[in-house]
Each structure stands twice: as C-alpha cells, then as structure tokens.
C-alpha cells in the first residue's frame, strides 16, 4: 500500500562510493541508527551480495527480552546505487522468519563529493497478525532523518565530521 512507506532524503557531503561503503559495513549500523535500538554488529563482514544474512544485537524497552537479535537478509545490493534488507528473526532451528518490513537506501551522486541519499522504511508486506501487536511505523520520521544525519557524519571525508554541509531533509509519507 502506498501509505505503508516512509522516506526521507538528505544530501550528504561525501562521494557516493564512500556513502555506500559506510552502509555496506554492518559495524557502522549502530552509529547510523536514529532510534537507538541497534546496539552492535554480530556479523561484522561487509555486505557483498543479495541473500547475505547479517545479524545485529538490538535493545528495545518494550521487547519482551529487552535485548534481542535481528537477522537481516540483504534484498538489494547494487553498488554504489542501492542497498536494502529485510529484518527478521532466526529461530532455534536456524530458520529465518521475516516480519515484512524493509529498509532501503537509494544513492544518487550529485557530483564528485555529494550524494543524495533516500532512506525508505516500507512495512507494506507486514501481515495482519503482526500489525495486531506492533503499530507501524513504530517510530516517527525524525528517526529516519536522524539516521541520515548520522550517516552523513560517518561518511564525511574528515575525521572531524559534521553535517554542516548536509542539506535539510525532505520527508515523504508514501
């Protein structure tokens, strides 16, 4: 459904390849996360192919266990243009079960040192039984905006990274 997506776009003052490399490194995801729920990469290998699974340690005060683990399956990997994954849970038998929401970053180079980044959270495939106990989206658009500002800081070409060159984000509710 069209109104089951949330997208935010920000111009990041960094080359597209550097932005993509930052997103393809699971060890950066806790620093990028705008919700504060992502804690650490369990699988630290760079994301290199569709179908790859990477696990992240998480925390949410409303989760029954507080701390939990997400198993994310890469759905889109088109360097340096797009990367996206389907979050899920790994069952005790090793089987993966997905909830139907996705994260996707689309990158458009605006020059040698600038990239337009669109972050989309899509929950259109979430089944009714999950929607009964989780309200979607489970956060406001400011969390996507925060994530893009964090990404801009991490991808900045200097160690004293700042988002002073990053433009004001545009928020779209689909």
Protein backbone atom coordinates (compact mmCIF):
# COMPACT_ATOMS: atom_id res chain seq x y z
CA UNK A 1 0.00 0.00 0.00
CA UNK A 2 1.20 3.49 -0.80
CA UNK A 3 0.76 4.81 2.72
CA UNK A 4 2.81 1.96 4.20
CA UNK A 5 6.15 3.61 3.47
CA UNK A 6 8.13 6.44 4.96
CA UNK A 7 11.02 8.05 3.04
CA UNK A 8 13.50 10.78 3.88
CA UNK A 9 16.11 12.28 1.54
CA UNK A 10 19.27 14.15 2.56
CA UNK A 11 22.20 15.47 0.56
CA UNK A 12 25.34 14.00 2.12
CA UNK A 13 28.65 15.84 1.58
CA UNK A 14 30.58 12.70 0.60
CA UNK A 15 31.25 10.72 -2.58
CA UNK A 16 28.68 8.05 -3.44
CA UNK A 17 31.23 5.19 -3.12
CA UNK A 18 32.14 6.28 0.41
CA UNK A 19 28.48 6.54 1.44
CA UNK A 20 27.76 3.09 0.00
CA UNK A 21 30.80 1.56 1.74
CA UNK A 22 29.61 3.00 5.05
CA UNK A 23 26.17 1.43 4.59
CA UNK A 24 27.64 -1.92 3.47
CA UNK A 25 29.62 -2.16 6.75
CA UNK A 26 27.37 -3.64 9.48
CA UNK A 27 29.75 -2.34 12.16
CA UNK A 28 28.57 1.21 11.34
CA UNK A 29 24.85 0.46 11.67
CA UNK A 30 24.60 1.16 15.41
CA UNK A 31 26.16 4.59 14.83
CA UNK A 32 23.81 5.28 11.89
CA UNK A 33 20.62 4.15 13.65
CA UNK A 34 18.29 7.01 14.52
CA UNK A 35 16.17 5.03 17.00
CA UNK A 36 18.90 3.93 19.40
CA UNK A 37 17.68 0.33 19.14
CA UNK A 38 20.64 -1.07 17.13
CA UNK A 39 23.46 -1.96 19.54
CA UNK A 40 26.18 -3.89 17.69
CA UNK A 41 27.01 -5.99 14.67
CA UNK A 42 27.09 -9.69 15.47
CA UNK A 43 28.24 -10.44 11.92
CA UNK A 44 30.96 -7.96 11.04
CA UNK A 45 31.68 -8.91 7.40
CA UNK A 46 30.87 -6.29 4.76
CA UNK A 47 27.64 -6.77 2.81
CA UNK A 48 28.61 -8.07 -0.61
CA UNK A 49 25.63 -9.91 -2.15
CA UNK A 50 21.88 -10.23 -2.19
CA UNK A 51 20.76 -13.09 0.06
CA UNK A 52 23.56 -12.48 2.57
CA UNK A 53 22.38 -12.56 6.19
CA UNK A 54 23.85 -10.28 8.83
CA UNK A 55 22.83 -10.25 12.47
CA UNK A 56 22.59 -7.25 14.75
CA UNK A 57 22.32 -7.04 18.52
CA UNK A 58 19.33 -4.87 19.47
CA UNK A 59 17.63 -3.36 22.51
CA UNK A 60 14.11 -2.05 22.92
CA UNK A 61 12.46 -1.44 26.30
CA UNK A 62 9.13 -2.79 25.00
CA UNK A 63 10.61 -6.02 23.65
CA UNK A 64 9.80 -8.99 25.91
CA UNK A 65 13.51 -9.73 26.38
CA UNK A 66 14.80 -6.12 26.18
CA UNK A 67 17.91 -7.29 24.35
CA UNK A 68 17.36 -9.35 21.23
CA UNK A 69 18.93 -10.16 17.87
CA UNK A 70 17.73 -9.37 14.36
CA UNK A 71 18.78 -11.46 11.35
CA UNK A 72 18.69 -9.23 8.28
CA UNK A 73 18.70 -10.62 4.76
CA UNK A 74 20.13 -8.38 2.04
CA UNK A 75 17.46 -7.92 -0.64
CA UNK A 76 19.08 -5.22 -2.79
CA UNK A 77 22.79 -4.74 -3.38
CA UNK A 78 23.61 -2.53 -6.35
CA UNK A 79 26.91 -0.78 -5.58
CA UNK A 80 27.08 2.17 -5.27
CA UNK A 81 23.41 2.93 -6.01
CA UNK A 82 21.20 0.93 -3.64
CA UNK A 83 21.30 -1.34 -0.61
CA UNK A 84 18.40 -2.76 1.36
CA UNK A 85 17.47 -5.56 3.73
CA UNK A 86 14.59 -7.47 5.21
CA UNK A 87 14.82 -7.73 9.03
CA UNK A 88 13.77 -10.94 10.71
CA UNK A 89 14.41 -13.39 13.50
CA UNK A 90 16.47 -16.56 13.49
CA UNK A 91 14.60 -19.46 15.05
CA UNK A 92 16.27 -22.10 17.23
CA UNK A 93 16.42 -24.49 14.26
CA UNK A 94 18.30 -21.84 12.22
CA UNK A 95 15.30 -21.00 10.04
CA UNK A 96 14.78 -17.30 9.32
CA UNK A 97 11.37 -15.69 9.80
CA UNK A 98 10.70 -12.20 8.47
CA UNK A 99 8.12 -9.66 9.61
CA UNK A 100 7.52 -8.00 6.25
CA UNK A 101 9.22 -4.62 6.70
CA UNK A 102 12.29 -3.46 4.78
CA UNK A 103 14.99 -0.80 4.99
CA UNK A 104 16.39 0.58 1.75
CA UNK A 105 18.91 3.28 0.90
CA UNK A 106 19.00 4.73 -2.62
CA UNK A 107 22.04 6.83 -3.53
CA UNK A 108 22.36 9.33 -6.37
CA UNK A 109 25.71 11.06 -6.98
CA UNK A 110 25.28 14.82 -7.26
CA UNK A 111 28.93 15.39 -8.12
CA UNK A 112 32.30 14.01 -7.05
CA UNK A 113 31.77 14.88 -3.37
CA UNK A 114 27.99 14.93 -2.83
CA UNK A 115 25.34 12.22 -2.71
CA UNK A 116 21.57 12.38 -2.41
CA UNK A 117 20.54 9.57 -0.06
CA UNK A 118 16.95 8.42 0.28
CA UNK A 119 16.17 6.13 3.21
CA UNK A 120 12.88 4.23 2.89
CA UNK A 121 11.16 2.18 5.57
CA UNK A 122 8.46 0.01 3.97
CA UNK A 123 6.02 -2.02 6.03
CA UNK A 124 3.54 -2.80 3.24
CA UNK A 125 4.18 -6.57 3.45
CA UNK A 126 3.63 -6.83 7.23
CA UNK A 127 0.85 -9.37 7.81
CA UNK A 128 -2.23 -8.56 9.92
CA UNK A 129 -1.20 -10.83 12.82
CA UNK A 130 1.95 -8.72 13.38
CA UNK A 131 0.06 -5.44 12.97
CA UNK A 132 -2.18 -6.56 15.86
CA UNK A 133 0.66 -6.05 18.35
CA UNK A 134 3.05 -3.62 16.61
CA UNK A 135 1.88 -0.20 15.40
CA UNK A 136 3.51 0.80 12.09
CA UNK A 137 5.62 2.69 11.69
CA UNK A 138 6.97 2.07 15.21
CA UNK A 139 8.73 5.47 15.17
CA UNK A 140 8.30 8.90 13.62
CA UNK A 141 10.04 10.31 10.53
CA UNK A 142 12.56 12.09 12.74
CA UNK A 143 14.27 8.75 13.32
CA UNK A 144 14.94 8.37 9.59
CA UNK A 145 16.16 11.97 9.46
CA UNK A 146 18.47 11.30 12.43
CA UNK A 147 19.79 8.18 10.69
CA UNK A 148 20.69 10.14 7.56
CA UNK A 149 22.45 12.83 9.60
CA UNK A 150 24.43 10.13 11.41
CA UNK A 151 25.31 8.56 8.05
CA UNK A 152 26.49 11.98 6.80
CA UNK A 153 28.75 12.32 9.86
CA UNK A 154 30.25 8.86 9.37
CA UNK A 155 30.77 9.21 5.62
CA UNK A 156 32.27 12.70 5.83
CA UNK A 157 35.77 12.79 4.37
CA UNK A 158 37.28 14.37 7.50
CA UNK A 159 37.62 12.86 10.96
CA UNK A 160 36.01 15.98 12.44
CA UNK A 161 32.81 15.01 10.65
CA UNK A 162 29.96 17.44 10.74
CA UNK A 163 26.67 17.73 8.95
CA UNK A 164 27.03 21.45 8.39
CA UNK A 165 27.19 20.73 4.65
CA UNK A 166 24.21 18.40 4.72
CA UNK A 167 21.00 19.84 3.39
CA UNK A 168 17.69 19.84 5.19
CA UNK A 169 15.99 16.50 4.65
CA UNK A 170 12.78 16.05 2.72
CA UNK A 171 10.27 13.69 4.33
CA UNK A 172 7.74 11.77 2.25
CA UNK A 173 4.99 9.60 3.55
CA UNK A 174 4.02 7.20 0.80
